[in-house]
Amino acid sequence: MIVGIGVGVVDVPQFREALCGDVYDLFLIDEIDYCEGRARPWECLAGRAAAKRAAARALGMSGTCGQEAELVRRAAGDVELSLSGVALETAEALGATQWWVSITHTKNAALAVVVLESPDDLDV
């Protein structure tokens, strides 16, 4: 059963201008290192910022999950959303046992969707 869904959209040029050197407030070092190794690091970071916003919306939180939502690249090449802290506690309170993320970006925009899922037989 779906217990939360969120969408995040980020304007890449505006994000780049606004964030400048403050990437360490929003991203974990592994996320920064991964994106810095990409051909277009700001698009990569904007995609991750969109996913953090989408996670916050799926959890019913305002703003972004910041460092409590980490995007981890798995060996298969897909991305996994890892929650911690208040974000994880909120997901657990909603009965969510799995969360799914999808991210896409261009040079101008980044979009992410997060879906929180609980077992069908769980009363929330």
N, C-alpha and C. Protein backbone atom coordinates (compact mmCIF):
# COMPACT_ATOMS: atom_id res chain seq x y z
N MET A 1 0.85 -1.17 0.00
CA MET A 1 0.00 0.00 0.00
C MET A 1 0.90 1.25 0.00
N ILE A 2 0.55 2.20 -0.83
CA ILE A 2 1.30 3.46 -0.88
C ILE A 2 0.86 4.35 0.28
N VAL A 3 1.84 4.79 1.08
CA VAL A 3 1.53 5.66 2.22
C VAL A 3 2.08 7.07 2.04
N GLY A 4 2.81 7.29 0.96
CA GLY A 4 3.31 8.64 0.69
C GLY A 4 3.89 8.72 -0.71
N ILE A 5 3.68 9.85 -1.36
CA ILE A 5 4.27 10.11 -2.66
C ILE A 5 4.67 11.58 -2.72
N GLY A 6 5.81 11.84 -3.29
CA GLY A 6 6.28 13.22 -3.39
C GLY A 6 7.02 13.45 -4.69
N VAL A 7 6.95 14.67 -5.17
CA VAL A 7 7.63 15.08 -6.39
C VAL A 7 8.48 16.30 -6.07
N GLY A 8 9.69 16.33 -6.57
CA GLY A 8 10.56 17.49 -6.41
C GLY A 8 11.08 17.94 -7.75
N VAL A 9 11.06 19.24 -7.99
CA VAL A 9 11.56 19.83 -9.24
C VAL A 9 12.56 20.92 -8.88
N VAL A 10 13.69 20.91 -9.58
CA VAL A 10 14.74 21.90 -9.33
C VAL A 10 15.16 22.53 -10.65
N ASP A 11 15.21 23.85 -10.69
CA ASP A 11 15.75 24.60 -11.82
C ASP A 11 17.28 24.56 -11.68
N VAL A 12 17.96 23.88 -12.59
CA VAL A 12 19.41 23.65 -12.45
C VAL A 12 20.21 24.95 -12.41
N PRO A 13 20.04 25.90 -13.35
CA PRO A 13 20.83 27.13 -13.28
C PRO A 13 20.57 27.93 -11.99
N GLN A 14 19.32 28.00 -11.57
CA GLN A 14 18.99 28.72 -10.35
C GLN A 14 19.59 28.01 -9.12
N PHE A 15 19.52 26.69 -9.12
CA PHE A 15 20.10 25.89 -8.04
C PHE A 15 21.61 26.12 -7.95
N ARG A 16 22.27 26.10 -9.08
CA ARG A 16 23.72 26.29 -9.10
C ARG A 16 24.11 27.66 -8.56
N GLU A 17 23.37 28.67 -8.97
CA GLU A 17 23.65 30.04 -8.52
C GLU A 17 23.38 30.21 -7.03
N ALA A 18 22.28 29.63 -6.56
CA ALA A 18 21.90 29.79 -5.15
C ALA A 18 22.79 28.99 -4.22
N LEU A 19 23.21 27.81 -4.64
CA LEU A 19 23.96 26.92 -3.75
C LEU A 19 25.43 27.29 -3.66
N CYS A 20 26.03 27.63 -4.78
CA CYS A 20 27.46 27.95 -4.86
C CYS A 20 28.29 26.95 -4.08
N GLY A 21 28.96 27.35 -3.01
CA GLY A 21 29.85 26.47 -2.27
C GLY A 21 29.23 25.77 -1.09
N ASP A 22 27.94 25.94 -0.87
CA ASP A 22 27.29 25.38 0.31
C ASP A 22 26.76 23.96 0.11
N VAL A 23 27.41 23.19 -0.73
CA VAL A 23 26.94 21.84 -1.02
C VAL A 23 27.02 20.92 0.20
N TYR A 24 27.91 21.22 1.13
CA TYR A 24 28.10 20.35 2.30
C TYR A 24 26.95 20.44 3.29
N ASP A 25 26.09 21.47 3.17
CA ASP A 25 24.92 21.57 4.05
C ASP A 25 23.80 20.64 3.60
N LEU A 26 23.73 20.35 2.32
CA LEU A 26 22.63 19.57 1.76
C LEU A 26 23.02 18.13 1.43
N PHE A 27 24.27 17.93 1.06
CA PHE A 27 24.70 16.62 0.57
C PHE A 27 25.75 15.98 1.46
N LEU A 28 25.77 14.66 1.46
CA LEU A 28 26.82 13.92 2.15
C LEU A 28 28.03 13.84 1.22
N ILE A 29 29.19 13.62 1.78
CA ILE A 29 30.44 13.65 1.01
C ILE A 29 30.44 12.64 -0.13
N ASP A 30 29.85 11.45 0.08
CA ASP A 30 29.81 10.45 -0.99
C ASP A 30 28.96 10.93 -2.17
N GLU A 31 27.87 11.67 -1.87
CA GLU A 31 27.04 12.22 -2.94
C GLU A 31 27.81 13.28 -3.72
N ILE A 32 28.52 14.13 -3.02
CA ILE A 32 29.31 15.18 -3.66
C ILE A 32 30.41 14.57 -4.52
N ASP A 33 31.12 13.60 -3.96
CA ASP A 33 32.20 12.95 -4.70
C ASP A 33 31.67 12.29 -5.97
N TYR A 34 30.54 11.61 -5.86
CA TYR A 34 29.96 10.96 -7.03
C TYR A 34 29.63 11.99 -8.11
N CYS A 35 28.95 13.05 -7.73
CA CYS A 35 28.53 14.06 -8.71
C CYS A 35 29.71 14.82 -9.29
N GLU A 36 30.72 15.08 -8.49
CA GLU A 36 31.90 15.78 -9.01
C GLU A 36 32.63 14.95 -10.06
N GLY A 37 32.45 13.65 -10.04
CA GLY A 37 33.06 12.78 -11.04
C GLY A 37 32.25 12.67 -12.33
N ARG A 38 31.10 13.29 -12.38
CA ARG A 38 30.23 13.25 -13.55
C ARG A 38 30.59 14.37 -14.53
N ALA A 39 30.17 14.22 -15.77
CA ALA A 39 30.46 15.23 -16.79
C ALA A 39 29.78 16.56 -16.47
N ARG A 40 28.57 16.51 -15.90
CA ARG A 40 27.83 17.72 -15.55
C ARG A 40 27.42 17.63 -14.08
N PRO A 41 28.35 17.94 -13.18
CA PRO A 41 28.09 17.75 -11.75
C PRO A 41 26.89 18.52 -11.21
N TRP A 42 26.61 19.72 -11.71
CA TRP A 42 25.49 20.50 -11.17
C TRP A 42 24.15 19.87 -11.51
N GLU A 43 24.06 19.23 -12.67
CA GLU A 43 22.83 18.52 -13.01
C GLU A 43 22.63 17.33 -12.05
N CYS A 44 23.71 16.64 -11.78
CA CYS A 44 23.67 15.50 -10.86
C CYS A 44 23.25 15.95 -9.47
N LEU A 45 23.86 17.02 -8.96
CA LEU A 45 23.49 17.53 -7.64
C LEU A 45 22.05 18.03 -7.61
N ALA A 46 21.61 18.68 -8.68
CA ALA A 46 20.23 19.16 -8.74
C ALA A 46 19.25 17.99 -8.71
N GLY A 47 19.59 16.90 -9.39
CA GLY A 47 18.75 15.71 -9.36
C GLY A 47 18.62 15.15 -7.96
N ARG A 48 19.72 15.14 -7.25
CA ARG A 48 19.70 14.65 -5.86
C ARG A 48 18.94 15.61 -4.96
N ALA A 49 19.06 16.91 -5.20
CA ALA A 49 18.29 17.89 -4.42
C ALA A 49 16.79 17.70 -4.68
N ALA A 50 16.42 17.44 -5.92
CA ALA A 50 15.01 17.18 -6.25
C ALA A 50 14.52 15.94 -5.51
N ALA A 51 15.35 14.91 -5.42
CA ALA A 51 14.97 13.69 -4.71
C ALA A 51 14.81 13.95 -3.22
N LYS A 52 15.65 14.79 -2.65
CA LYS A 52 15.53 15.12 -1.23
C LYS A 52 14.25 15.91 -0.96
N ARG A 53 13.86 16.79 -1.90
CA ARG A 53 12.59 17.51 -1.78
C ARG A 53 11.41 16.55 -1.92
N ALA A 54 11.52 15.64 -2.89
CA ALA A 54 10.44 14.67 -3.11
C ALA A 54 10.27 13.78 -1.89
N ALA A 55 11.38 13.39 -1.27
CA ALA A 55 11.32 12.56 -0.05
C ALA A 55 10.61 13.31 1.06
N ALA A 56 10.95 14.58 1.23
CA ALA A 56 10.30 15.39 2.28
C ALA A 56 8.80 15.48 2.04
N ARG A 57 8.41 15.67 0.81
CA ARG A 57 6.98 15.77 0.49
C ARG A 57 6.27 14.43 0.72
N ALA A 58 6.91 13.35 0.34
CA ALA A 58 6.31 12.02 0.56
C ALA A 58 6.13 11.74 2.05
N LEU A 59 7.03 12.29 2.85
CA LEU A 59 6.98 12.10 4.31
C LEU A 59 6.07 13.12 5.00
N GLY A 60 5.56 14.08 4.24
CA GLY A 60 4.71 15.12 4.83
C GLY A 60 5.50 16.18 5.56
N MET A 61 6.78 16.31 5.24
CA MET A 61 7.66 17.29 5.87
C MET A 61 7.82 18.49 4.94
N SER A 62 8.18 19.63 5.49
CA SER A 62 8.42 20.80 4.65
C SER A 62 9.90 20.86 4.27
N GLY A 63 10.20 21.60 3.24
CA GLY A 63 11.58 21.81 2.83
C GLY A 63 12.19 20.59 2.19
N THR A 64 13.35 20.20 2.68
CA THR A 64 14.09 19.07 2.14
C THR A 64 14.58 18.20 3.27
N CYS A 65 14.88 16.97 2.98
CA CYS A 65 15.40 16.05 4.00
C CYS A 65 16.91 16.24 4.22
N GLY A 66 17.54 17.04 3.39
CA GLY A 66 18.97 17.32 3.53
C GLY A 66 19.79 16.05 3.63
N GLN A 67 20.66 16.01 4.61
CA GLN A 67 21.56 14.88 4.75
C GLN A 67 20.88 13.63 5.33
N GLU A 68 19.60 13.74 5.71
CA GLU A 68 18.88 12.57 6.21
C GLU A 68 18.31 11.71 5.08
N ALA A 69 18.43 12.17 3.85
CA ALA A 69 18.05 11.39 2.67
C ALA A 69 19.27 11.34 1.77
N GLU A 70 19.84 10.17 1.61
CA GLU A 70 21.04 10.01 0.79
C GLU A 70 20.72 9.15 -0.42
N LEU A 71 21.20 9.58 -1.57
CA LEU A 71 21.06 8.78 -2.78
C LEU A 71 22.32 7.97 -2.96
N VAL A 72 22.17 6.66 -2.99
CA VAL A 72 23.30 5.74 -3.08
C VAL A 72 23.23 5.01 -4.41
N ARG A 73 24.31 5.03 -5.16
CA ARG A 73 24.37 4.33 -6.44
C ARG A 73 24.69 2.87 -6.16
N ARG A 74 23.81 1.97 -6.60
CA ARG A 74 24.03 0.54 -6.39
C ARG A 74 24.87 -0.02 -7.53
N ALA A 75 25.40 -1.23 -7.32
CA ALA A 75 26.28 -1.87 -8.30
C ALA A 75 25.60 -2.01 -9.66
N ALA A 76 24.29 -2.22 -9.66
CA ALA A 76 23.55 -2.38 -10.92
C ALA A 76 23.41 -1.06 -11.68
N GLY A 77 23.77 0.07 -11.03
CA GLY A 77 23.71 1.37 -11.68
C GLY A 77 22.50 2.19 -11.30
N ASP A 78 21.51 1.56 -10.66
CA ASP A 78 20.34 2.33 -10.24
C ASP A 78 20.62 3.03 -8.92
N VAL A 79 19.71 3.89 -8.52
CA VAL A 79 19.89 4.70 -7.32
C VAL A 79 18.92 4.23 -6.25
N GLU A 80 19.43 4.17 -5.03
CA GLU A 80 18.63 3.78 -3.88
C GLU A 80 18.56 4.95 -2.91
N LEU A 81 17.39 5.16 -2.32
CA LEU A 81 17.21 6.21 -1.33
C LEU A 81 17.41 5.62 0.06
N SER A 82 18.35 6.18 0.80
CA SER A 82 18.63 5.75 2.17
C SER A 82 18.21 6.86 3.12
N LEU A 83 17.33 6.54 4.07
CA LEU A 83 16.85 7.52 5.04
C LEU A 83 17.50 7.31 6.40
N SER A 84 17.65 8.39 7.16
CA SER A 84 18.18 8.32 8.52
C SER A 84 17.53 9.42 9.36
N GLY A 85 17.80 9.40 10.65
CA GLY A 85 17.32 10.46 11.53
C GLY A 85 15.82 10.62 11.53
N VAL A 86 15.37 11.87 11.56
CA VAL A 86 13.94 12.19 11.60
C VAL A 86 13.22 11.67 10.35
N ALA A 87 13.88 11.71 9.20
CA ALA A 87 13.26 11.21 7.97
C ALA A 87 12.92 9.72 8.11
N LEU A 88 13.85 8.94 8.64
CA LEU A 88 13.60 7.51 8.85
C LEU A 88 12.51 7.29 9.89
N GLU A 89 12.57 8.03 10.98
CA GLU A 89 11.55 7.91 12.03
C GLU A 89 10.16 8.23 11.48
N THR A 90 10.06 9.25 10.64
CA THR A 90 8.78 9.63 10.06
C THR A 90 8.27 8.55 9.11
N ALA A 91 9.18 7.99 8.30
CA ALA A 91 8.79 6.90 7.40
C ALA A 91 8.27 5.71 8.18
N GLU A 92 8.96 5.37 9.26
CA GLU A 92 8.53 4.25 10.10
C GLU A 92 7.19 4.53 10.75
N ALA A 93 6.95 5.77 11.18
CA ALA A 93 5.67 6.13 11.79
C ALA A 93 4.52 6.02 10.79
N LEU A 94 4.82 6.23 9.51
CA LEU A 94 3.82 6.07 8.46
C LEU A 94 3.60 4.61 8.10
N GLY A 95 4.46 3.74 8.63
CA GLY A 95 4.37 2.32 8.31
C GLY A 95 5.14 1.93 7.06
N ALA A 96 5.91 2.86 6.51
CA ALA A 96 6.67 2.58 5.29
C ALA A 96 7.82 1.62 5.59
N THR A 97 7.92 0.59 4.79
CA THR A 97 9.02 -0.36 4.91
C THR A 97 9.92 -0.35 3.68
N GLN A 98 9.42 0.27 2.60
CA GLN A 98 10.21 0.41 1.38
C GLN A 98 9.95 1.80 0.81
N TRP A 99 10.96 2.33 0.14
CA TRP A 99 10.79 3.61 -0.54
C TRP A 99 11.50 3.51 -1.88
N TRP A 100 10.89 4.14 -2.85
CA TRP A 100 11.37 4.08 -4.23
C TRP A 100 11.64 5.50 -4.71
N VAL A 101 12.68 5.64 -5.54
CA VAL A 101 13.02 6.95 -6.07
C VAL A 101 13.32 6.82 -7.56
N SER A 102 12.90 7.83 -8.31
CA SER A 102 13.24 7.94 -9.72
C SER A 102 13.67 9.38 -9.96
N ILE A 103 14.80 9.53 -10.65
CA ILE A 103 15.38 10.86 -10.89
C ILE A 103 15.69 11.01 -12.37
N THR A 104 15.44 12.21 -12.89
CA THR A 104 15.86 12.55 -14.24
C THR A 104 16.28 14.01 -14.26
N HIS A 105 17.17 14.36 -15.19
CA HIS A 105 17.58 15.76 -15.28
C HIS A 105 18.08 16.09 -16.68
N THR A 106 17.99 17.37 -16.98
CA THR A 106 18.56 17.94 -18.20
C THR A 106 19.46 19.09 -17.75
N LYS A 107 19.97 19.86 -18.68
CA LYS A 107 20.82 20.98 -18.29
C LYS A 107 20.03 22.08 -17.60
N ASN A 108 18.69 22.07 -17.75
CA ASN A 108 17.87 23.12 -17.17
C ASN A 108 17.01 22.71 -15.99
N ALA A 109 16.64 21.43 -15.89
CA ALA A 109 15.71 21.02 -14.84
C ALA A 109 16.02 19.61 -14.35
N ALA A 110 15.71 19.40 -13.09
CA ALA A 110 15.84 18.08 -12.48
C ALA A 110 14.49 17.74 -11.84
N LEU A 111 14.10 16.49 -11.95
CA LEU A 111 12.82 16.03 -11.42
C LEU A 111 13.04 14.70 -10.71
N ALA A 112 12.37 14.54 -9.57
CA ALA A 112 12.43 13.27 -8.85
C ALA A 112 11.07 12.94 -8.26
N VAL A 113 10.80 11.66 -8.17
CA VAL A 113 9.58 11.15 -7.55
C VAL A 113 9.99 10.14 -6.49
N VAL A 114 9.38 10.25 -5.31
CA VAL A 114 9.61 9.28 -4.23
C VAL A 114 8.27 8.70 -3.82
N VAL A 115 8.23 7.38 -3.70
CA VAL A 115 7.03 6.67 -3.26
C VAL A 115 7.38 5.87 -2.02
N LEU A 116 6.56 6.01 -0.97
CA LEU A 116 6.72 5.24 0.26
C LEU A 116 5.68 4.13 0.25
N GLU A 117 6.11 2.93 0.60
CA GLU A 117 5.22 1.78 0.55
C GLU A 117 5.24 1.03 1.87
N SER A 118 4.08 0.55 2.27
CA SER A 118 3.97 -0.28 3.48
C SER A 118 3.34 -1.60 3.09
N PRO A 119 3.50 -2.63 3.92
CA PRO A 119 2.83 -3.90 3.64
C PRO A 119 1.31 -3.67 3.61
N ASP A 120 0.61 -4.40 2.77
CA ASP A 120 -0.84 -4.23 2.62
C ASP A 120 -1.60 -4.49 3.91
N ASP A 121 -1.09 -5.35 4.76
CA ASP A 121 -1.84 -5.74 5.95
C ASP A 121 -1.51 -4.88 7.16
N LEU A 122 -0.77 -3.80 6.99
CA LEU A 122 -0.38 -2.96 8.11
C LEU A 122 -1.40 -1.84 8.31
N ASP A 123 -1.89 -1.68 9.52
CA ASP A 123 -2.79 -0.57 9.83
C ASP A 123 -1.98 0.67 10.19
N VAL A 124 -2.16 1.74 9.42
CA VAL A 124 -1.45 3.01 9.70
C VAL A 124 -2.44 4.10 10.00
